Amino acid sequence: MPDTSTNRNIGNPFIELNEIESTNNYAMQLVQQGIATHGMAVFAHHQTAGKGQRSKQWFSAAGQNIVLSVILRTNNLAVSAQFGLSMAIALAVHEFFTTYAICETFIKWPNDLYWRDRKAGGILIENIIRGKEWQWAIVGIGININQTNFENNIANPVSLKQITGKNFHPVNLSKELCTYIEKAFSQLEREGIAPIVQAYNGYLYKKGETVTLKKNNILFSGTIQSVDANGFLSVTAATNEDYAVGELEWVNPSL
């Protein structure tokens, strides 16, 4: 039987692959085969068909970045805490990144990592829910580390090397990132969602600023207010409105 306890450190075992279609798909197969354990991490030097939000593809140059999926046993969490986990992971990624980028790092709703007005990374979480039980979460994380040349269709990317002028070791950084995920996940299990929501909003990209957004092909200006525990973004425009993940598109020229 697979180990379903949550007392093992996240990142143990750490599976390192030279090339894979998708680390999330690989991790999902481990769960489906019944051989996954809580905290198991899958790292790839090259991912040929990485997945991003809203069925977009995540592009990453071979051997230069963090391409990581972490398997989490979530049966101790309520199904309603799914965005709480997303927030916790975003905070872990933010805290990890700021140890190197120092300042001007933000979380762009719902869970992108931004440095100034440039995208440094993204998160994709795929959940396995059976009946009323949230059994597993596959946490996919991509962070630009050493890459300096990006494809033209990627809007305003940035890497840690571009920010700091230094080269890094993606495998070592991925293992380090796992310790931040361990801390954030433990906090979520121990303290619940409330402190995580507060911390997330403290780093919310463009909070209190007016931006241009699009819903159903209609452009409008609104002021970013906050995000709640269910992932709804509060925006003040002509009226105060809350928007679910996937309802809005950022259309500012810098985004």
C-alpha atoms as a PDB file:
ATOM      1  CA  MET A   1       0.000   0.000   0.000  1.00  0.00           C
ATOM      2  CA  PRO A   2       1.264   3.530  -0.724  1.00  0.00           C
ATOM      3  CA  ASP A   3       2.292   5.730   2.174  1.00  0.00           C
ATOM      4  CA  THR A   4      -0.545   8.223   2.647  1.00  0.00           C
ATOM      5  CA  SER A   5       0.778   9.941   5.770  1.00  0.00           C
ATOM      6  CA  THR A   6       1.769  13.582   5.703  1.00  0.00           C
ATOM      7  CA  ASN A   7       4.716  13.308   8.082  1.00  0.00           C
ATOM      8  CA  ARG A   8       7.349  13.005   5.356  1.00  0.00           C
ATOM      9  CA  ASN A   9       9.220  16.006   4.109  1.00  0.00           C
ATOM     10  CA  ILE A  10       8.037  17.414   0.823  1.00  0.00           C
ATOM     11  CA  GLY A  11      10.681  16.745  -1.801  1.00  0.00           C
ATOM     12  CA  ASN A  12      11.400  13.238  -0.546  1.00  0.00           C
ATOM     13  CA  PRO A  13      11.711  11.277  -2.738  1.00  0.00           C
ATOM     14  CA  PHE A  14      12.975  13.659  -5.404  1.00  0.00           C
ATOM     15  CA  ILE A  15      12.697  12.184  -8.902  1.00  0.00           C
ATOM     16  CA  GLU A  16      14.985  13.808 -11.467  1.00  0.00           C
ATOM     17  CA  LEU A  17      14.195  13.213 -15.146  1.00  0.00           C
ATOM     18  CA  ASN A  18      16.159  14.325 -18.195  1.00  0.00           C
ATOM     19  CA  GLU A  19      13.115  14.764 -20.439  1.00  0.00           C
ATOM     20  CA  ILE A  20       9.388  14.258 -20.024  1.00  0.00           C
ATOM     21  CA  GLU A  21       6.247  15.432 -21.761  1.00  0.00           C
ATOM     22  CA  SER A  22       4.792  16.903 -18.572  1.00  0.00           C
ATOM     23  CA  THR A  23       5.855  16.533 -14.942  1.00  0.00           C
ATOM     24  CA  ASN A  24       2.216  16.955 -13.888  1.00  0.00           C
ATOM     25  CA  ASN A  25       1.157  14.099 -16.170  1.00  0.00           C
ATOM     26  CA  TYR A  26       3.990  11.926 -14.840  1.00  0.00           C
ATOM     27  CA  ALA A  27       2.991  12.688 -11.242  1.00  0.00           C
ATOM     28  CA  MET A  28      -0.661  12.004 -12.029  1.00  0.00           C
ATOM     29  CA  GLN A  29       0.283   8.589 -13.422  1.00  0.00           C
ATOM     30  CA  LEU A  30       2.111   7.773 -10.182  1.00  0.00           C
ATOM     31  CA  VAL A  31      -1.068   8.552  -8.243  1.00  0.00           C
ATOM     32  CA  GLN A  32      -3.261   6.544 -10.594  1.00  0.00           C
ATOM     33  CA  GLN A  33      -0.886   3.573 -10.370  1.00  0.00           C
ATOM     34  CA  GLY A  34      -1.119   3.672  -6.570  1.00  0.00           C
ATOM     35  CA  ILE A  35       2.612   4.241  -6.053  1.00  0.00           C
ATOM     36  CA  ALA A  36       2.570   7.948  -5.189  1.00  0.00           C
ATOM     37  CA  THR A  37       3.536   9.149  -1.732  1.00  0.00           C
ATOM     38  CA  HIS A  38       2.858  12.462  -0.068  1.00  0.00           C
ATOM     39  CA  GLY A  39       5.634  14.927  -0.801  1.00  0.00           C
ATOM     40  CA  MET A  40       7.043  13.102  -3.811  1.00  0.00           C
ATOM     41  CA  ALA A  41       8.592  15.621  -6.215  1.00  0.00           C
ATOM     42  CA  VAL A  42       9.163  15.212  -9.955  1.00  0.00           C
ATOM     43  CA  PHE A  43      11.752  17.465 -11.628  1.00  0.00           C
ATOM     44  CA  ALA A  44      12.503  17.580 -15.354  1.00  0.00           C
ATOM     45  CA  HIS A  45      15.474  19.182 -17.070  1.00  0.00           C
ATOM     46  CA  HIS A  46      13.352  19.409 -20.224  1.00  0.00           C
ATOM     47  CA  GLN A  47       9.579  19.357 -20.522  1.00  0.00           C
ATOM     48  CA  THR A  48       8.244  18.975 -24.042  1.00  0.00           C
ATOM     49  CA  ALA A  49       4.547  19.664 -23.400  1.00  0.00           C
ATOM     50  CA  GLY A  50       4.278  21.616 -20.173  1.00  0.00           C
ATOM     51  CA  LYS A  51       0.839  22.787 -19.093  1.00  0.00           C
ATOM     52  CA  GLY A  52      -0.211  26.262 -17.963  1.00  0.00           C
ATOM     53  CA  GLN A  53      -3.456  27.849 -16.864  1.00  0.00           C
ATOM     54  CA  ARG A  54      -6.551  27.675 -19.112  1.00  0.00           C
ATOM     55  CA  SER A  55      -5.087  24.909 -21.308  1.00  0.00           C
ATOM     56  CA  LYS A  56      -2.145  27.097 -22.309  1.00  0.00           C
ATOM     57  CA  GLN A  57       1.282  25.570 -22.815  1.00  0.00           C
ATOM     58  CA  TRP A  58       4.196  26.389 -20.535  1.00  0.00           C
ATOM     59  CA  PHE A  59       7.436  26.815 -22.478  1.00  0.00           C
ATOM     60  CA  SER A  60      10.782  26.340 -20.769  1.00  0.00           C
ATOM     61  CA  ALA A  61      14.279  26.108 -22.244  1.00  0.00           C
ATOM     62  CA  ALA A  62      15.936  22.763 -21.583  1.00  0.00           C
ATOM     63  CA  GLY A  63      18.118  22.592 -18.492  1.00  0.00           C
ATOM     64  CA  GLN A  64      17.694  26.220 -17.481  1.00  0.00           C
ATOM     65  CA  ASN A  65      14.653  26.490 -15.228  1.00  0.00           C
ATOM     66  CA  ILE A  66      12.620  24.986 -12.417  1.00  0.00           C
ATOM     67  CA  VAL A  67      10.148  22.506 -13.889  1.00  0.00           C
ATOM     68  CA  LEU A  68       8.669  20.745 -10.882  1.00  0.00           C
ATOM     69  CA  SER A  69       5.569  18.860  -9.796  1.00  0.00           C
ATOM     70  CA  VAL A  70       4.893  17.970  -6.172  1.00  0.00           C
ATOM     71  CA  ILE A  71       2.360  15.356  -5.056  1.00  0.00           C
ATOM     72  CA  LEU A  72       0.377  16.312  -1.963  1.00  0.00           C
ATOM     73  CA  ARG A  73      -1.981  14.108   0.045  1.00  0.00           C
ATOM     74  CA  THR A  74      -4.927  16.381   0.728  1.00  0.00           C
ATOM     75  CA  ASN A  75      -7.452  14.140   2.484  1.00  0.00           C
ATOM     76  CA  ASN A  76      -7.006  16.186   5.677  1.00  0.00           C
ATOM     77  CA  LEU A  77      -8.263  19.285   3.857  1.00  0.00           C
ATOM     78  CA  ALA A  78     -11.829  20.211   2.967  1.00  0.00           C
ATOM     79  CA  VAL A  79     -12.733  20.285  -0.717  1.00  0.00           C
ATOM     80  CA  SER A  80     -13.632  23.954  -0.174  1.00  0.00           C
ATOM     81  CA  ALA A  81      -9.966  24.687   0.615  1.00  0.00           C
ATOM     82  CA  GLN A  82      -8.777  24.183  -2.965  1.00  0.00           C
ATOM     83  CA  PHE A  83      -8.006  27.839  -3.586  1.00  0.00           C
ATOM     84  CA  GLY A  84      -6.545  28.030  -0.095  1.00  0.00           C
ATOM     85  CA  LEU A  85      -3.958  25.499  -1.233  1.00  0.00           C
ATOM     86  CA  SER A  86      -3.367  27.527  -4.395  1.00  0.00           C
ATOM     87  CA  MET A  87      -2.742  30.593  -2.224  1.00  0.00           C
ATOM     88  CA  ALA A  88      -0.422  28.660   0.088  1.00  0.00           C
ATOM     89  CA  ILE A  89       1.660  27.388  -2.827  1.00  0.00           C
ATOM     90  CA  ALA A  90       1.801  30.881  -4.361  1.00  0.00           C
ATOM     91  CA  LEU A  91       3.068  32.222  -1.032  1.00  0.00           C
ATOM     92  CA  ALA A  92       5.704  29.482  -0.856  1.00  0.00           C
ATOM     93  CA  VAL A  93       6.908  30.306  -4.366  1.00  0.00           C
ATOM     94  CA  HIS A  94       6.893  34.016  -3.560  1.00  0.00           C
ATOM     95  CA  GLU A  95       8.896  33.556  -0.345  1.00  0.00           C
ATOM     96  CA  PHE A  96      11.409  31.317  -2.103  1.00  0.00           C
ATOM     97  CA  PHE A  97      11.877  33.724  -5.011  1.00  0.00           C
ATOM     98  CA  THR A  98      12.278  36.795  -2.809  1.00  0.00           C
ATOM     99  CA  THR A  99      15.258  35.219  -1.061  1.00  0.00           C
ATOM    100  CA  TYR A 100      17.090  35.845  -4.339  1.00  0.00           C
ATOM    101  CA  ALA A 101      15.159  38.650  -6.072  1.00  0.00           C
ATOM    102  CA  ILE A 102      14.846  40.516  -2.728  1.00  0.00           C
ATOM    103  CA  CYS A 103      12.008  42.942  -3.520  1.00  0.00           C
ATOM    104  CA  GLU A 104       9.334  43.981  -6.023  1.00  0.00           C
ATOM    105  CA  THR A 105       8.015  40.424  -6.297  1.00  0.00           C
ATOM    106  CA  PHE A 106       4.249  39.898  -6.350  1.00  0.00           C
ATOM    107  CA  ILE A 107       1.536  37.278  -6.793  1.00  0.00           C
ATOM    108  CA  LYS A 108      -0.645  38.031  -9.810  1.00  0.00           C
ATOM    109  CA  TRP A 109      -4.143  36.603  -9.432  1.00  0.00           C
ATOM    110  CA  PRO A 110      -4.739  33.779  -9.464  1.00  0.00           C
ATOM    111  CA  ASN A 111      -1.237  32.365  -8.972  1.00  0.00           C
ATOM    112  CA  ASP A 112       1.443  33.771 -11.272  1.00  0.00           C
ATOM    113  CA  LEU A 113       4.781  34.958  -9.936  1.00  0.00           C
ATOM    114  CA  TYR A 114       5.644  38.486 -11.049  1.00  0.00           C
ATOM    115  CA  TRP A 115       8.750  40.610 -10.611  1.00  0.00           C
ATOM    116  CA  ARG A 116       7.854  44.231 -11.261  1.00  0.00           C
ATOM    117  CA  ASP A 117       5.631  43.926 -14.371  1.00  0.00           C
ATOM    118  CA  ARG A 118       7.240  40.777 -15.717  1.00  0.00           C
ATOM    119  CA  LYS A 119       6.269  37.140 -15.322  1.00  0.00           C
ATOM    120  CA  ALA A 120       8.827  34.970 -13.568  1.00  0.00           C
ATOM    121  CA  GLY A 121       6.765  31.847 -13.008  1.00  0.00           C
ATOM    122  CA  GLY A 122       3.431  30.125 -12.795  1.00  0.00           C
ATOM    123  CA  ILE A 123       1.553  27.433 -10.903  1.00  0.00           C
ATOM    124  CA  LEU A 124      -0.912  24.805 -12.103  1.00  0.00           C
ATOM    125  CA  ILE A 125      -2.666  22.584  -9.546  1.00  0.00           C
ATOM    126  CA  GLU A 126      -4.643  19.524 -10.640  1.00  0.00           C
ATOM    127  CA  ASN A 127      -6.835  17.874  -8.022  1.00  0.00           C
ATOM    128  CA  ILE A 128      -8.109  14.347  -7.554  1.00  0.00           C
ATOM    129  CA  ILE A 129     -11.472  14.337  -5.790  1.00  0.00           C
ATOM    130  CA  ARG A 130     -13.468  11.166  -5.269  1.00  0.00           C
ATOM    131  CA  GLY A 131     -16.925  11.594  -3.833  1.00  0.00           C
ATOM    132  CA  LYS A 132     -16.624  14.190  -1.092  1.00  0.00           C
ATOM    133  CA  GLU A 133     -12.951  13.477  -0.404  1.00  0.00           C
ATOM    134  CA  TRP A 134     -10.128  15.574  -1.815  1.00  0.00           C
ATOM    135  CA  GLN A 135      -7.515  12.872  -2.077  1.00  0.00           C
ATOM    136  CA  TRP A 136      -4.531  14.327  -3.932  1.00  0.00           C
ATOM    137  CA  ALA A 137      -3.221  17.547  -5.442  1.00  0.00           C
ATOM    138  CA  ILE A 138      -0.597  17.648  -8.172  1.00  0.00           C
ATOM    139  CA  VAL A 139       1.205  20.983  -7.816  1.00  0.00           C
ATOM    140  CA  GLY A 140       3.009  22.018 -10.990  1.00  0.00           C
ATOM    141  CA  ILE A 141       5.474  24.897 -10.730  1.00  0.00           C
ATOM    142  CA  GLY A 142       7.524  26.554 -13.455  1.00  0.00           C
ATOM    143  CA  ILE A 143       9.993  29.324 -12.606  1.00  0.00           C
ATOM    144  CA  ASN A 144      12.401  31.054 -14.983  1.00  0.00           C
ATOM    145  CA  ILE A 145      15.878  30.670 -13.544  1.00  0.00           C
ATOM    146  CA  ASN A 146      18.758  30.912 -16.040  1.00  0.00           C
ATOM    147  CA  GLN A 147      16.858  31.463 -19.301  1.00  0.00           C
ATOM    148  CA  THR A 148      17.507  34.796 -21.015  1.00  0.00           C
ATOM    149  CA  ASN A 149      16.050  34.199 -24.491  1.00  0.00           C
ATOM    150  CA  PHE A 150      12.299  33.641 -24.691  1.00  0.00           C
ATOM    151  CA  GLU A 151       9.883  32.910 -27.511  1.00  0.00           C
ATOM    152  CA  ASN A 152       8.214  35.966 -29.006  1.00  0.00           C
ATOM    153  CA  ASN A 153       4.702  34.910 -28.012  1.00  0.00           C
ATOM    154  CA  ILE A 154       5.551  35.014 -24.295  1.00  0.00           C
ATOM    155  CA  ALA A 155       4.599  38.414 -22.866  1.00  0.00           C
ATOM    156  CA  ASN A 156       7.188  40.152 -20.688  1.00  0.00           C
ATOM    157  CA  PRO A 157       9.013  37.187 -19.154  1.00  0.00           C
ATOM    158  CA  VAL A 158      11.885  37.551 -16.716  1.00  0.00           C
ATOM    159  CA  SER A 159      14.306  35.104 -15.107  1.00  0.00           C
ATOM    160  CA  LEU A 160      16.251  35.090 -11.876  1.00  0.00           C
ATOM    161  CA  LYS A 161      19.467  35.440 -13.877  1.00  0.00           C
ATOM    162  CA  GLN A 162      18.165  38.577 -15.592  1.00  0.00           C
ATOM    163  CA  ILE A 163      17.250  40.053 -12.210  1.00  0.00           C
ATOM    164  CA  THR A 164      20.437  39.144 -10.330  1.00  0.00           C
ATOM    165  CA  GLY A 165      23.046  38.668 -13.064  1.00  0.00           C
ATOM    166  CA  LYS A 166      23.923  35.279 -11.555  1.00  0.00           C
ATOM    167  CA  ASN A 167      23.655  31.664 -12.702  1.00  0.00           C
ATOM    168  CA  PHE A 168      21.880  29.131 -10.512  1.00  0.00           C
ATOM    169  CA  HIS A 169      21.503  25.363 -10.232  1.00  0.00           C
ATOM    170  CA  PRO A 170      17.845  24.522 -11.026  1.00  0.00           C
ATOM    171  CA  VAL A 171      17.898  21.135  -9.268  1.00  0.00           C
ATOM    172  CA  ASN A 172      19.272  22.565  -6.039  1.00  0.00           C
ATOM    173  CA  LEU A 173      16.804  25.445  -6.174  1.00  0.00           C
ATOM    174  CA  SER A 174      13.923  23.007  -6.735  1.00  0.00           C
ATOM    175  CA  LYS A 175      14.906  21.046  -3.638  1.00  0.00           C
ATOM    176  CA  GLU A 176      15.088  24.297  -1.709  1.00  0.00           C
ATOM    177  CA  LEU A 177      11.659  25.309  -3.008  1.00  0.00           C
ATOM    178  CA  CYS A 178      10.261  22.065  -1.604  1.00  0.00           C
ATOM    179  CA  THR A 179      11.136  23.236   1.913  1.00  0.00           C
ATOM    180  CA  TYR A 180       9.054  26.377   1.393  1.00  0.00           C
ATOM    181  CA  ILE A 181       6.148  24.268   0.119  1.00  0.00           C
ATOM    182  CA  GLU A 182       6.482  22.062   3.215  1.00  0.00           C
ATOM    183  CA  LYS A 183       6.211  25.115   5.456  1.00  0.00           C
ATOM    184  CA  ALA A 184       3.206  26.558   3.605  1.00  0.00           C
ATOM    185  CA  PHE A 185       1.331  23.249   3.410  1.00  0.00           C
ATOM    186  CA  SER A 186       1.896  22.580   7.109  1.00  0.00           C
ATOM    187  CA  GLN A 187       0.567  26.042   7.939  1.00  0.00           C
ATOM    188  CA  LEU A 188      -2.554  25.408   5.866  1.00  0.00           C
ATOM    189  CA  GLU A 189      -3.210  22.116   7.646  1.00  0.00           C
ATOM    190  CA  ARG A 190      -2.462  23.579  11.081  1.00  0.00           C
ATOM    191  CA  GLU A 191      -3.955  27.092  10.947  1.00  0.00           C
ATOM    192  CA  GLY A 192      -6.515  26.957   8.157  1.00  0.00           C
ATOM    193  CA  ILE A 193      -7.073  29.412   5.344  1.00  0.00           C
ATOM    194  CA  ALA A 194      -7.526  32.754   7.126  1.00  0.00           C
ATOM    195  CA  PRO A 195      -3.853  33.705   7.717  1.00  0.00           C
ATOM    196  CA  ILE A 196      -2.940  32.514   4.222  1.00  0.00           C
ATOM    197  CA  VAL A 197      -5.610  34.716   2.620  1.00  0.00           C
ATOM    198  CA  GLN A 198      -4.291  37.709   4.541  1.00  0.00           C
ATOM    199  CA  ALA A 199      -0.679  37.051   3.542  1.00  0.00           C
ATOM    200  CA  TYR A 200      -1.630  36.433  -0.100  1.00  0.00           C
ATOM    201  CA  ASN A 201      -3.418  39.773  -0.320  1.00  0.00           C
ATOM    202  CA  GLY A 202      -0.368  41.463   1.145  1.00  0.00           C
ATOM    203  CA  TYR A 203       1.583  40.528  -1.991  1.00  0.00           C
ATOM    204  CA  LEU A 204      -1.256  40.889  -4.498  1.00  0.00           C
ATOM    205  CA  TYR A 205      -0.080  42.345  -7.807  1.00  0.00           C
ATOM    206  CA  LYS A 206      -1.548  45.776  -8.633  1.00  0.00           C
ATOM    207  CA  LYS A 207      -3.540  45.883  -5.390  1.00  0.00           C
ATOM    208  CA  GLY A 208      -5.131  49.322  -5.042  1.00  0.00           C
ATOM    209  CA  GLU A 209      -4.227  50.214  -8.627  1.00  0.00           C
ATOM    210  CA  THR A 210      -6.504  50.743 -11.621  1.00  0.00           C
ATOM    211  CA  VAL A 211      -5.945  48.319 -14.477  1.00  0.00           C
ATOM    212  CA  THR A 212      -7.657  47.398 -17.741  1.00  0.00           C
ATOM    213  CA  LEU A 213      -9.483  44.078 -17.733  1.00  0.00           C
ATOM    214  CA  LYS A 214     -11.639  42.160 -20.190  1.00  0.00           C
ATOM    215  CA  LYS A 215     -14.742  40.068 -19.615  1.00  0.00           C
ATOM    216  CA  ASN A 216     -16.675  38.520 -22.481  1.00  0.00           C
ATOM    217  CA  ASN A 217     -14.674  40.667 -24.958  1.00  0.00           C
ATOM    218  CA  ILE A 218     -15.710  43.853 -23.154  1.00  0.00           C
ATOM    219  CA  LEU A 219     -12.908  46.087 -21.856  1.00  0.00           C
ATOM    220  CA  PHE A 220     -13.274  47.999 -18.618  1.00  0.00           C
ATOM    221  CA  SER A 221     -11.114  49.749 -16.035  1.00  0.00           C
ATOM    222  CA  GLY A 222     -11.227  48.652 -12.429  1.00  0.00           C
ATOM    223  CA  THR A 223      -9.262  48.935  -9.206  1.00  0.00           C
ATOM    224  CA  ILE A 224      -7.877  45.693  -7.793  1.00  0.00           C
ATOM    225  CA  GLN A 225      -9.053  45.246  -4.203  1.00  0.00           C
ATOM    226  CA  SER A 226      -8.517  41.743  -2.832  1.00  0.00           C
ATOM    227  CA  VAL A 227      -8.960  38.014  -3.342  1.00  0.00           C
ATOM    228  CA  ASP A 228     -11.105  35.884  -1.032  1.00  0.00           C
ATOM    229  CA  ALA A 229     -10.618  32.313   0.181  1.00  0.00           C
ATOM    230  CA  ASN A 230     -12.593  30.922  -2.775  1.00  0.00           C
ATOM    231  CA  GLY A 231     -10.414  32.708  -5.319  1.00  0.00           C
ATOM    232  CA  PHE A 232     -12.842  35.494  -6.238  1.00  0.00           C
ATOM    233  CA  LEU A 233     -11.128  38.738  -7.218  1.00  0.00           C
ATOM    234  CA  SER A 234     -12.813  41.894  -5.962  1.00  0.00           C
ATOM    235  CA  VAL A 235     -12.641  44.773  -8.438  1.00  0.00           C
ATOM    236  CA  THR A 236     -14.076  48.263  -8.031  1.00  0.00           C
ATOM    237  CA  ALA A 237     -15.331  49.724 -11.300  1.00  0.00           C
ATOM    238  CA  ALA A 238     -18.750  51.370 -11.714  1.00  0.00           C
ATOM    239  CA  THR A 239     -19.763  48.983  -8.920  1.00  0.00           C
ATOM    240  CA  ASN A 240     -17.954  46.492  -6.739  1.00  0.00           C
ATOM    241  CA  GLU A 241     -17.827  43.107  -8.451  1.00  0.00           C
ATOM    242  CA  ASP A 242     -16.290  39.741  -7.621  1.00  0.00           C
ATOM    243  CA  TYR A 243     -14.885  37.580 -10.418  1.00  0.00           C
ATOM    244  CA  ALA A 244     -14.103  33.874 -10.440  1.00  0.00           C
ATOM    245  CA  VAL A 245     -10.846  32.480 -11.778  1.00  0.00           C
ATOM    246  CA  GLY A 246     -11.073  32.389 -15.561  1.00  0.00           C
ATOM    247  CA  GLU A 247     -13.719  35.103 -15.865  1.00  0.00           C
ATOM    248  CA  LEU A 248     -11.308  37.981 -16.443  1.00  0.00           C
ATOM    249  CA  GLU A 249      -8.370  38.607 -18.722  1.00  0.00           C
ATOM    250  CA  TRP A 250      -5.654  41.154 -18.016  1.00  0.00           C
ATOM    251  CA  VAL A 251      -5.182  43.364 -21.067  1.00  0.00           C
ATOM    252  CA  ASN A 252      -2.816  46.074 -19.856  1.00  0.00           C
ATOM    253  CA  PRO A 253      -0.019  46.603 -22.416  1.00  0.00           C
ATOM    254  CA  SER A 254       2.605  45.661 -19.813  1.00  0.00           C
ATOM    255  CA  LEU A 255       0.893  42.394 -18.953  1.00  0.00           C
END
